[in-house]
Amino acid sequence: MPSVIIIGAGFGGLGMAIELQRNGFGEFTILEKAADLGGVWRENTYPGAACDVPSPLYSFSHEPKPKWRQRYSTREDIWAYMRGVAERHRLYDSIVFGADVTEAEFDESTGRWTVSTADGVTRTADILVSAVGQLSRPAMPAIPGIERFAGESFHSAQWDHAVELDGKRVACIGTGASAIQYVPEIQPRAAHLTVFQRTAPWVLPKFDTDYKPVHQRILIEIPGMPVAERFSWWAIAEFIALGLVEFPGIVRMVSRIAEKHLEEQVTDPVLRAKLTPDYPIGCKRGLFSNDFYPALCEPNVDVETTAITEIVPEGIRTADGVLHPADVIIYGTGFKGTEFLWPMKIRGRGGRNLSDVWEGGAHAYLGLTVPEFPNFFMVYGPNTNLGVGSIIYMIESQAHYIRHAIQLLAERPHTFLEVRPEPERAYNEALQQRLARTPWNFCTSWYRTASGRITNNWPGTTRSYRRRTRNLNLSHYTFTPIPG
């Protein structure tokens, strides 16, 4: 039976492990650099942290939870769900915590991967699966003078709960998915809050609700109800996703909902003008909030759209020469989403470094595997992120495909499996042509590299991706006998 090393114990790593376990492949080890599982739901502890996908859909299909407390779950509830799943499947027995992978190298003479961790330990396995995700490394802006600021500062993904915000002058740089959640939480506490916005986000109403006991009982007692609820949210997301390429009219309908939301919540015409996006909806990540706009309308809040030129000990200076005093700066500036697998060194056949192969932007066949890197797979790899829908659904599709590949290797002992260059190249050329027709191609975002290549997103529905990954096309792969 092939042995497997999985890097990362977030949703991707857990999903991969459970897929193997459910199909009789028990020889796997999960290497997790932190002291507990959870990925981004362990790391992101900022006030108001929650999911913007309904919980019935943002969960494993084989692990439904009828007792979610609300439709859009908090970070704490999602993390608890993940720990519960791991306990039920006894995955803790297979996780090595504090194992920070630094490099991995494929040995053609043995057909095995050697994986090294920062503590000096090396481990070997037949198959290597990376499940490190796309949003694990916070990005700090390149603003002159950051190191000179005299007050407290931190990135939102590394929230410093020891920093007192009550009665302070707080500056928030960025208005992305994290900021729209923590800004309403900290606004009542701050003496004054300055929100620095480079581009206005598209914000949609969040149709959230608390799940009452009667709702939970229905899900428990009526057969098929959890599946029906999950399917309804999946269908809504699939419908909206069609608007990204095939039916632009759907996107226009969504944009009208967002415009009405802004008009109803922001009556000040000057502020409303600042908060009106100047790019097509969908180009950047769409956001959901009912309290972000009201927080910005409070008298102790200023929205600043003039570009930042430098940070000085006293605060932030903008291009108009104005100094904005601050006691605390919070950087809600996102993640290094296009730097896949960095800083790990992954070396394939002939010592080929994956970072060299990806010099012009990350790419992979189905977002899963790369030529010259045999028996190596990725969960949540290049071009598998979503503009709409649940990444958990994508993870399940990927885990199924990878398990199928491992099953084929089990049936062909003493061989290793590698995707052929031609199908991988043809797949990615067609993918980029399709991506050129999406809204993501018309603004700057974390989905794109500096050269403009879109390396993160999948241009279609989750159903279309599942259809592509339902079966492994053997003509796209080669099996190579291991010498000896």
Protein backbone atom coordinates (compact mmCIF):
# COMPACT_ATOMS: atom_id res chain seq x y z
CA MET A 1 0.00 0.00 0.00
CA PRO A 2 1.49 3.39 -0.97
CA SER A 3 2.51 5.66 1.88
CA VAL A 4 1.43 9.30 1.83
CA ILE A 5 2.71 12.50 3.45
CA ILE A 6 0.20 15.36 3.60
CA ILE A 7 1.50 18.86 4.33
CA GLY A 8 -0.98 20.96 6.29
CA ALA A 9 -3.84 20.19 8.68
CA GLY A 10 -6.40 22.70 7.47
CA PHE A 11 -9.57 21.79 5.60
CA GLY A 12 -7.51 20.53 2.64
CA GLY A 13 -5.30 18.23 4.67
CA LEU A 14 -8.19 16.88 6.73
CA GLY A 15 -10.30 16.31 3.62
CA MET A 16 -7.48 14.43 1.91
CA ALA A 17 -6.82 12.26 4.97
CA ILE A 18 -10.49 11.36 5.37
CA GLU A 19 -10.79 10.45 1.68
CA LEU A 20 -7.83 8.08 2.05
CA GLN A 21 -9.14 6.66 5.29
CA ARG A 22 -12.64 6.02 3.92
CA ASN A 23 -11.15 4.08 0.99
CA GLY A 24 -8.80 1.83 2.91
CA PHE A 25 -5.56 3.81 2.60
CA GLY A 26 -4.45 4.20 6.18
CA GLU A 27 -0.73 4.73 5.72
CA PHE A 28 -0.58 8.53 5.80
CA THR A 29 1.05 11.19 7.95
CA ILE A 30 -0.04 14.82 8.19
CA LEU A 31 2.74 17.32 8.87
CA GLU A 32 1.49 20.53 10.48
CA LYS A 33 3.83 23.40 11.36
CA ALA A 34 1.58 24.78 14.12
CA ALA A 35 0.63 23.30 17.48
CA ASP A 36 -2.95 22.54 16.42
CA LEU A 37 -4.94 21.91 13.27
CA GLY A 38 -7.23 24.42 11.59
CA GLY A 39 -5.25 26.43 9.03
CA VAL A 40 -6.66 29.92 8.51
CA TRP A 41 -9.43 29.24 11.04
CA ARG A 42 -6.79 28.65 13.69
CA GLU A 43 -4.63 31.59 12.69
CA ASN A 44 -7.17 34.37 12.07
CA THR A 45 -8.38 35.49 15.49
CA TYR A 46 -9.36 39.07 14.65
CA PRO A 47 -12.65 40.39 16.11
CA GLY A 48 -15.66 39.38 14.04
CA ALA A 49 -13.85 36.66 12.08
CA ALA A 50 -16.47 34.55 10.30
CA CYS A 51 -17.17 32.76 7.03
CA ASP A 52 -18.95 34.38 4.10
CA VAL A 53 -20.26 31.03 2.81
CA PRO A 54 -23.30 29.46 4.54
CA SER A 55 -22.25 26.77 7.02
CA PRO A 56 -24.36 23.98 5.47
CA LEU A 57 -22.20 24.38 2.36
CA TYR A 58 -18.93 25.34 4.06
CA SER A 59 -18.54 21.89 5.61
CA PHE A 60 -17.75 18.37 4.44
CA SER A 61 -20.63 16.68 2.64
CA HIS A 62 -19.96 13.49 4.62
CA GLU A 63 -19.84 15.40 7.92
CA PRO A 64 -23.05 17.50 8.06
CA LYS A 65 -23.69 19.46 11.24
CA PRO A 66 -27.36 20.13 11.98
CA LYS A 67 -26.58 22.24 15.05
CA TRP A 68 -24.79 25.20 13.52
CA ARG A 69 -25.60 28.24 15.65
CA GLN A 70 -26.03 30.55 12.66
CA ARG A 71 -26.07 30.53 8.88
CA TYR A 72 -22.67 32.21 8.51
CA SER A 73 -20.55 30.67 11.23
CA THR A 74 -17.92 32.38 13.30
CA ARG A 75 -14.29 31.44 13.24
CA GLU A 76 -14.65 29.76 16.64
CA ASP A 77 -17.51 27.50 15.47
CA ILE A 78 -15.74 26.51 12.27
CA TRP A 79 -12.53 25.69 14.12
CA ALA A 80 -14.50 23.62 16.65
CA TYR A 81 -16.18 21.78 13.75
CA MET A 82 -12.77 20.93 12.26
CA ARG A 83 -11.45 19.63 15.57
CA GLY A 84 -14.59 17.56 16.02
CA VAL A 85 -14.20 16.02 12.56
CA ALA A 86 -10.57 15.17 13.29
CA GLU A 87 -11.52 13.54 16.59
CA ARG A 88 -14.30 11.45 15.07
CA HIS A 89 -11.94 10.15 12.39
CA ARG A 90 -9.05 9.77 14.85
CA LEU A 91 -6.86 11.96 12.68
CA TYR A 92 -4.95 13.37 15.63
CA ASP A 93 -3.10 10.04 15.74
CA SER A 94 -1.75 10.75 12.25
CA ILE A 95 -0.80 14.43 12.70
CA VAL A 96 2.71 15.52 13.62
CA PHE A 97 2.48 19.02 15.08
CA GLY A 98 5.39 21.46 15.04
CA ALA A 99 6.59 19.91 11.76
CA ASP A 100 7.42 22.89 9.55
CA VAL A 101 8.27 21.49 6.11
CA THR A 102 11.25 23.25 4.54
CA GLU A 103 11.92 21.06 1.51
CA ALA A 104 10.93 17.89 -0.30
CA GLU A 105 12.85 16.00 -2.97
CA PHE A 106 11.89 13.14 -5.28
CA ASP A 107 14.33 10.26 -5.73
CA GLU A 108 13.90 8.56 -9.10
CA SER A 109 15.94 5.53 -7.99
CA THR A 110 13.42 4.69 -5.25
CA GLY A 111 10.30 6.45 -6.51
CA ARG A 112 9.89 8.11 -3.12
CA TRP A 113 9.78 11.60 -1.66
CA THR A 114 12.06 12.71 1.14
CA VAL A 115 10.51 15.47 3.22
CA SER A 116 12.58 17.62 5.60
CA THR A 117 11.27 19.76 8.44
CA ALA A 118 12.80 22.71 10.26
CA ASP A 119 13.63 20.57 13.30
CA GLY A 120 16.06 18.52 11.22
CA VAL A 121 13.84 15.43 10.87
CA THR A 122 13.44 13.72 7.48
CA ARG A 123 10.60 11.43 6.48
CA THR A 124 9.98 9.44 3.29
CA ALA A 125 6.80 8.42 1.49
CA ASP A 126 5.65 7.22 -1.92
CA ILE A 127 3.26 10.13 -2.44
CA LEU A 128 3.48 13.77 -1.38
CA VAL A 129 0.35 15.92 -1.11
CA SER A 130 0.58 19.63 -0.37
CA ALA A 131 -2.47 21.07 1.38
CA VAL A 132 -1.01 24.36 2.57
CA GLY A 133 -3.72 26.54 1.00
CA GLN A 134 -3.46 29.89 -0.77
CA LEU A 135 -4.06 32.34 2.08
CA SER A 136 -1.53 31.43 4.74
CA ARG A 137 1.15 34.13 4.40
CA PRO A 138 0.15 37.71 5.37
CA ALA A 139 1.20 40.44 2.94
CA MET A 140 2.57 43.71 4.29
CA PRO A 141 2.37 46.80 2.07
CA ALA A 142 5.54 48.39 0.70
CA ILE A 143 5.04 51.73 2.46
CA PRO A 144 8.15 53.73 3.39
CA GLY A 145 8.66 54.21 7.11
CA ILE A 146 6.70 51.24 8.45
CA GLU A 147 9.49 50.42 10.87
CA ARG A 148 9.55 54.01 12.21
CA PHE A 149 6.02 54.07 13.60
CA ALA A 150 6.14 54.81 17.34
CA GLY A 151 2.85 53.13 18.24
CA GLU A 152 1.62 49.53 18.11
CA SER A 153 0.99 47.82 14.77
CA PHE A 154 0.12 44.37 13.46
CA HIS A 155 -1.40 42.53 10.50
CA SER A 156 -5.03 41.50 10.87
CA ALA A 157 -4.07 37.84 10.35
CA GLN A 158 -1.68 38.14 13.30
CA TRP A 159 -4.00 40.06 15.59
CA ASP A 160 -2.29 41.25 18.75
CA HIS A 161 -4.96 40.95 21.44
CA ALA A 162 -2.60 42.49 23.99
CA VAL A 163 -2.85 45.85 22.20
CA GLU A 164 -5.47 48.07 23.82
CA LEU A 165 -7.78 49.77 21.31
CA ASP A 166 -10.21 51.44 23.70
CA GLY A 167 -9.94 55.21 23.53
CA LYS A 168 -7.13 55.06 20.96
CA ARG A 169 -6.68 56.64 17.54
CA VAL A 170 -6.73 53.59 15.28
CA ALA A 171 -5.72 53.50 11.61
CA CYS A 172 -6.89 50.60 9.46
CA ILE A 173 -5.14 50.14 6.12
CA GLY A 174 -7.23 48.11 3.69
CA THR A 175 -10.92 47.39 3.13
CA GLY A 176 -10.89 43.73 2.13
CA ALA A 177 -12.65 40.65 3.43
CA SER A 178 -11.08 40.80 6.89
CA ALA A 179 -11.48 44.56 7.37
CA ILE A 180 -15.22 44.57 6.73
CA GLN A 181 -15.55 42.13 9.63
CA TYR A 182 -13.24 43.72 12.20
CA VAL A 183 -13.94 47.40 11.46
CA PRO A 184 -17.53 47.24 12.85
CA GLU A 185 -16.18 45.40 15.91
CA ILE A 186 -13.49 47.92 16.82
CA GLN A 187 -15.28 51.13 15.76
CA PRO A 188 -17.22 51.52 19.04
CA ARG A 189 -14.02 51.04 21.04
CA ALA A 190 -11.79 53.53 19.25
CA ALA A 191 -11.71 57.21 20.08
CA HIS A 192 -11.20 57.78 16.38
CA LEU A 193 -10.91 55.35 13.49
CA THR A 194 -9.36 56.23 10.14
CA VAL A 195 -9.99 53.67 7.39
CA PHE A 196 -7.55 53.96 4.49
CA GLN A 197 -9.16 52.67 1.32
CA ARG A 198 -7.29 52.19 -1.93
CA THR A 199 -10.26 50.82 -3.90
CA ALA A 200 -13.86 50.57 -2.74
CA PRO A 201 -15.10 46.97 -2.37
CA TRP A 202 -18.38 45.69 -3.71
CA VAL A 203 -20.42 44.88 -0.59
CA LEU A 204 -23.58 42.78 -0.66
CA PRO A 205 -26.09 42.31 2.15
CA LYS A 206 -25.36 39.29 4.33
CA PHE A 207 -28.50 37.22 4.71
CA ASP A 208 -27.48 35.87 8.06
CA THR A 209 -29.72 34.41 10.73
CA ASP A 210 -29.45 32.57 14.03
CA TYR A 211 -30.52 28.95 13.77
CA LYS A 212 -33.28 28.35 16.31
CA PRO A 213 -33.76 24.99 18.07
CA VAL A 214 -36.76 24.25 15.86
CA HIS A 215 -34.60 24.63 12.75
CA GLN A 216 -31.99 22.29 14.21
CA ARG A 217 -34.64 19.72 15.15
CA ILE A 218 -36.00 19.74 11.60
CA LEU A 219 -32.53 19.04 10.25
CA ILE A 220 -32.06 16.19 12.71
CA GLU A 221 -35.49 14.57 12.55
CA ILE A 222 -36.51 14.90 8.90
CA PRO A 223 -34.52 12.63 6.59
CA GLY A 224 -32.85 14.42 3.71
CA MET A 225 -33.21 17.93 5.11
CA PRO A 226 -29.46 18.57 5.63
CA VAL A 227 -28.84 17.50 2.04
CA ALA A 228 -31.67 19.67 0.77
CA GLU A 229 -30.41 22.73 2.66
CA ARG A 230 -26.86 22.19 1.42
CA PHE A 231 -28.08 21.69 -2.15
CA SER A 232 -30.11 24.90 -2.12
CA TRP A 233 -27.10 27.03 -1.13
CA TRP A 234 -24.90 25.18 -3.62
CA ALA A 235 -27.42 25.85 -6.42
CA ILE A 236 -27.57 29.57 -5.62
CA ALA A 237 -23.76 29.81 -5.72
CA GLU A 238 -23.60 27.87 -8.99
CA PHE A 239 -26.16 30.22 -10.56
CA ILE A 240 -24.14 33.30 -9.62
CA ALA A 241 -20.90 31.65 -10.78
CA LEU A 242 -22.42 31.28 -14.26
CA GLY A 243 -22.40 35.07 -14.49
CA LEU A 244 -18.60 35.24 -14.33
CA VAL A 245 -18.24 33.87 -17.88
CA GLU A 246 -21.37 32.59 -19.58
CA PHE A 247 -24.15 34.97 -18.53
CA PRO A 248 -22.99 38.53 -17.65
CA GLY A 249 -26.58 39.52 -16.96
CA ILE A 250 -26.44 37.58 -13.70
CA VAL A 251 -23.50 39.70 -12.54
CA ARG A 252 -25.34 42.89 -13.47
CA MET A 253 -28.26 41.75 -11.34
CA VAL A 254 -25.93 41.14 -8.39
CA SER A 255 -24.30 44.55 -8.88
CA ARG A 256 -27.72 46.24 -8.64
CA ILE A 257 -28.29 44.51 -5.29
CA ALA A 258 -24.94 45.85 -4.07
CA GLU A 259 -25.67 49.36 -5.34
CA LYS A 260 -29.03 49.39 -3.56
CA HIS A 261 -27.37 48.14 -0.38
CA LEU A 262 -24.93 51.07 -0.49
CA GLU A 263 -27.68 53.61 -1.21
CA GLU A 264 -29.82 52.40 1.68
CA GLN A 265 -27.04 52.30 4.25
CA VAL A 266 -25.00 55.40 3.32
CA THR A 267 -27.05 58.58 2.96
CA ASP A 268 -24.12 61.03 2.91
CA PRO A 269 -23.42 61.63 -0.82
CA VAL A 270 -19.72 62.42 -0.25
CA LEU A 271 -19.10 59.23 1.70
CA ARG A 272 -21.23 57.22 -0.69
CA ALA A 273 -19.12 58.46 -3.61
CA LYS A 274 -15.97 57.29 -1.81
CA LEU A 275 -17.52 53.87 -1.25
CA THR A 276 -18.71 53.39 -4.84
CA PRO A 277 -16.48 50.89 -6.72
CA ASP A 278 -14.99 52.01 -10.04
CA TYR A 279 -14.43 48.51 -11.47
CA PRO A 280 -16.74 45.66 -12.55
CA ILE A 281 -18.31 43.59 -9.81
CA GLY A 282 -16.53 40.28 -9.42
CA CYS A 283 -13.13 41.66 -10.42
CA LYS A 284 -12.13 41.62 -6.77
CA ARG A 285 -13.57 39.38 -4.11
CA GLY A 286 -17.19 40.22 -3.39
CA LEU A 287 -17.88 40.97 0.26
CA PHE A 288 -20.90 40.44 2.50
CA SER A 289 -21.78 42.67 5.45
CA ASN A 290 -24.72 44.37 7.10
CA ASP A 291 -22.71 46.47 9.54
CA PHE A 292 -19.62 47.66 7.62
CA TYR A 293 -21.29 50.66 5.96
CA PRO A 294 -23.11 51.73 9.16
CA ALA A 295 -19.80 51.63 11.04
CA LEU A 296 -18.21 53.94 8.45
CA CYS A 297 -21.10 56.40 8.93
CA GLU A 298 -20.36 56.85 12.63
CA PRO A 299 -19.01 60.29 13.72
CA ASN A 300 -15.72 58.86 15.02
CA VAL A 301 -14.81 57.36 11.62
CA ASP A 302 -13.10 58.89 8.60
CA VAL A 303 -12.69 57.09 5.27
CA GLU A 304 -9.49 58.28 3.61
CA THR A 305 -9.00 57.59 -0.10
CA THR A 306 -5.91 59.71 -0.72
CA ALA A 307 -2.87 57.51 -1.35
CA ILE A 308 -0.50 56.84 1.54
CA THR A 309 3.02 58.15 0.91
CA GLU A 310 4.76 57.23 4.16
CA ILE A 311 4.40 56.18 7.75
CA VAL A 312 6.02 58.42 10.32
CA PRO A 313 6.41 57.95 14.10
CA GLU A 314 3.21 59.94 14.74
CA GLY A 315 0.99 58.26 12.17
CA ILE A 316 0.31 58.11 8.43
CA ARG A 317 1.01 60.79 5.83
CA THR A 318 -0.99 60.88 2.60
CA ALA A 319 -0.15 62.31 -0.82
CA ASP A 320 -1.90 65.60 -0.04
CA GLY A 321 0.62 66.20 2.75
CA VAL A 322 -1.86 65.60 5.56
CA LEU A 323 -0.63 63.74 8.65
CA HIS A 324 -3.21 61.37 10.13
CA PRO A 325 -2.25 60.80 13.78
CA ALA A 326 -2.50 57.24 15.05
CA ASP A 327 -1.72 55.27 18.19
CA VAL A 328 -2.33 51.89 16.52
CA ILE A 329 -2.07 50.75 12.90
CA ILE A 330 -3.84 47.61 11.70
CA TYR A 331 -2.76 46.23 8.32
CA GLY A 332 -5.71 44.54 6.64
CA THR A 333 -3.65 44.07 3.50
CA GLY A 334 -4.37 40.47 2.61
CA PHE A 335 -2.11 37.58 1.78
CA LYS A 336 0.60 36.55 -0.66
CA GLY A 337 -1.84 34.39 -2.56
CA THR A 338 0.16 33.96 -5.77
CA GLU A 339 3.30 32.66 -4.01
CA PHE A 340 2.21 29.03 -3.95
CA LEU A 341 4.05 26.69 -1.56
CA TRP A 342 6.66 29.34 -0.74
CA PRO A 343 9.08 29.14 1.11
CA MET A 344 9.16 25.34 0.76
CA LYS A 345 11.63 23.98 -1.78
CA ILE A 346 10.04 21.22 -3.86
CA ARG A 347 12.47 19.37 -6.16
CA GLY A 348 11.27 16.86 -8.73
CA ARG A 349 13.00 14.71 -11.31
CA GLY A 350 16.60 15.66 -11.91
CA GLY A 351 16.49 18.08 -8.99
CA ARG A 352 14.18 20.45 -10.88
CA ASN A 353 12.95 23.16 -8.52
CA LEU A 354 9.23 23.88 -8.64
CA SER A 355 9.83 27.59 -8.03
CA ASP A 356 11.84 27.69 -11.28
CA VAL A 357 9.04 25.95 -13.18
CA TRP A 358 6.62 28.52 -11.79
CA GLU A 359 8.79 31.55 -12.44
CA GLY A 360 6.13 33.08 -14.71
CA GLY A 361 3.25 32.14 -12.43
CA ALA A 362 2.02 28.93 -10.83
CA HIS A 363 0.25 26.39 -13.04
CA ALA A 364 -0.78 22.76 -12.77
CA TYR A 365 -2.93 20.18 -14.51
CA LEU A 366 -6.41 20.57 -13.00
CA GLY A 367 -4.64 22.58 -10.29
CA LEU A 368 -3.41 19.25 -8.95
CA THR A 369 -0.12 18.10 -10.43
CA VAL A 370 2.87 19.31 -12.49
CA PRO A 371 5.09 17.55 -15.08
CA GLU A 372 8.51 16.45 -13.77
CA PHE A 373 7.12 16.13 -10.25
CA PRO A 374 5.97 12.49 -10.02
CA ASN A 375 3.66 11.31 -7.26
CA PHE A 376 3.18 14.92 -6.16
CA PHE A 377 -0.27 16.46 -5.82
CA MET A 378 -1.79 19.65 -4.46
CA VAL A 379 -5.07 20.35 -2.71
CA TYR A 380 -6.27 23.94 -3.32
CA GLY A 381 -3.51 24.43 -5.88
CA PRO A 382 -3.24 26.91 -8.76
CA ASN A 383 -6.51 28.06 -10.33
CA THR A 384 -8.79 26.22 -7.92
CA ASN A 385 -9.90 29.17 -5.78
CA LEU A 386 -13.48 30.37 -6.22
CA GLY A 387 -15.10 33.71 -6.78
CA VAL A 388 -18.42 32.18 -5.69
CA GLY A 389 -19.11 28.98 -3.79
CA SER A 390 -17.51 26.72 -1.21
CA ILE A 391 -13.88 25.73 -1.42
CA ILE A 392 -14.77 22.65 0.64
CA TYR A 393 -16.69 21.31 -2.36
CA MET A 394 -13.56 21.82 -4.50
CA ILE A 395 -11.38 20.13 -1.88
CA GLU A 396 -13.60 17.06 -1.93
CA SER A 397 -13.30 16.87 -5.73
CA GLN A 398 -9.52 17.14 -5.52
CA ALA A 399 -9.21 14.59 -2.74
CA HIS A 400 -11.29 12.12 -4.76
CA TYR A 401 -9.05 12.58 -7.80
CA ILE A 402 -5.81 12.22 -5.82
CA ARG A 403 -7.12 9.12 -4.06
CA HIS A 404 -7.92 7.64 -7.49
CA ALA A 405 -4.31 8.28 -8.55
CA ILE A 406 -3.03 6.61 -5.38
CA GLN A 407 -5.31 3.66 -6.02
CA LEU A 408 -3.81 3.27 -9.51
CA LEU A 409 -0.33 3.33 -8.02
CA ALA A 410 -1.36 0.65 -5.53
CA GLU A 411 -2.43 -1.50 -8.48
CA ARG A 412 0.92 -0.90 -10.22
CA PRO A 413 3.58 -1.42 -7.57
CA HIS A 414 7.17 -0.33 -8.25
CA THR A 415 6.08 2.55 -10.53
CA PHE A 416 5.63 6.28 -10.17
CA LEU A 417 2.99 8.46 -11.82
CA GLU A 418 3.56 11.73 -13.66
CA VAL A 419 1.32 14.01 -15.71
CA ARG A 420 2.52 14.49 -19.28
CA PRO A 421 3.64 18.00 -20.34
CA GLU A 422 1.33 18.25 -23.37
CA PRO A 423 -2.01 17.81 -21.56
CA GLU A 424 -0.87 20.10 -18.75
CA ARG A 425 0.14 22.81 -21.21
CA ALA A 426 -3.05 22.47 -23.28
CA TYR A 427 -5.19 22.56 -20.15
CA ASN A 428 -3.60 25.75 -18.87
CA GLU A 429 -3.65 27.51 -22.23
CA ALA A 430 -7.40 26.86 -22.51
CA LEU A 431 -7.83 27.90 -18.88
CA GLN A 432 -6.10 31.25 -19.39
CA GLN A 433 -8.19 31.93 -22.51
CA ARG A 434 -11.32 31.35 -20.48
CA LEU A 435 -10.01 33.49 -17.61
CA ALA A 436 -9.47 36.36 -20.05
CA ARG A 437 -13.26 36.57 -20.39
CA THR A 438 -13.89 36.93 -16.66
CA PRO A 439 -14.17 40.14 -14.60
CA TRP A 440 -10.94 39.16 -12.79
CA ASN A 441 -9.02 40.28 -15.85
CA PHE A 442 -10.02 43.95 -15.50
CA CYS A 443 -8.48 45.11 -12.23
CA THR A 444 -5.56 44.47 -9.91
CA SER A 445 -6.17 41.91 -7.19
CA TRP A 446 -4.48 39.11 -5.27
CA TYR A 447 -5.77 36.73 -7.95
CA ARG A 448 -3.15 38.01 -10.43
CA THR A 449 0.63 38.07 -10.56
CA ALA A 450 2.59 41.24 -11.34
CA SER A 451 2.64 40.16 -15.00
CA GLY A 452 -1.16 39.92 -15.07
CA ARG A 453 -1.49 36.14 -15.12
CA ILE A 454 -4.44 34.88 -13.09
CA THR A 455 -3.03 32.02 -11.03
CA ASN A 456 -5.62 31.55 -8.31
CA ASN A 457 -9.17 31.30 -9.60
CA TRP A 458 -11.24 28.65 -11.35
CA PRO A 459 -13.32 30.20 -14.18
CA GLY A 460 -16.47 28.18 -13.87
CA THR A 461 -18.85 26.36 -11.59
CA THR A 462 -17.83 23.84 -8.96
CA ARG A 463 -19.91 21.26 -10.82
CA SER A 464 -17.84 21.74 -13.97
CA TYR A 465 -14.66 21.23 -11.95
CA ARG A 466 -16.05 18.11 -10.32
CA ARG A 467 -16.92 16.75 -13.74
CA ARG A 468 -13.31 17.29 -14.87
CA THR A 469 -11.92 15.56 -11.79
CA ARG A 470 -14.39 12.69 -11.50
CA ASN A 471 -12.06 10.31 -13.35
CA LEU A 472 -8.32 10.26 -14.01
CA ASN A 473 -7.54 10.16 -17.74
CA LEU A 474 -4.73 7.63 -18.03
CA SER A 475 -3.72 8.97 -21.46
CA HIS A 476 -2.61 12.18 -19.73
CA TYR A 477 -0.17 10.35 -17.46
CA THR A 478 2.84 8.09 -17.65
CA PHE A 479 3.73 5.25 -15.29
CA THR A 480 7.49 4.85 -14.95
CA PRO A 481 9.02 1.64 -13.55
CA ILE A 482 11.28 2.17 -10.55
CA PRO A 483 14.81 0.84 -11.26
CA GLY A 484 15.61 -2.46 -9.61
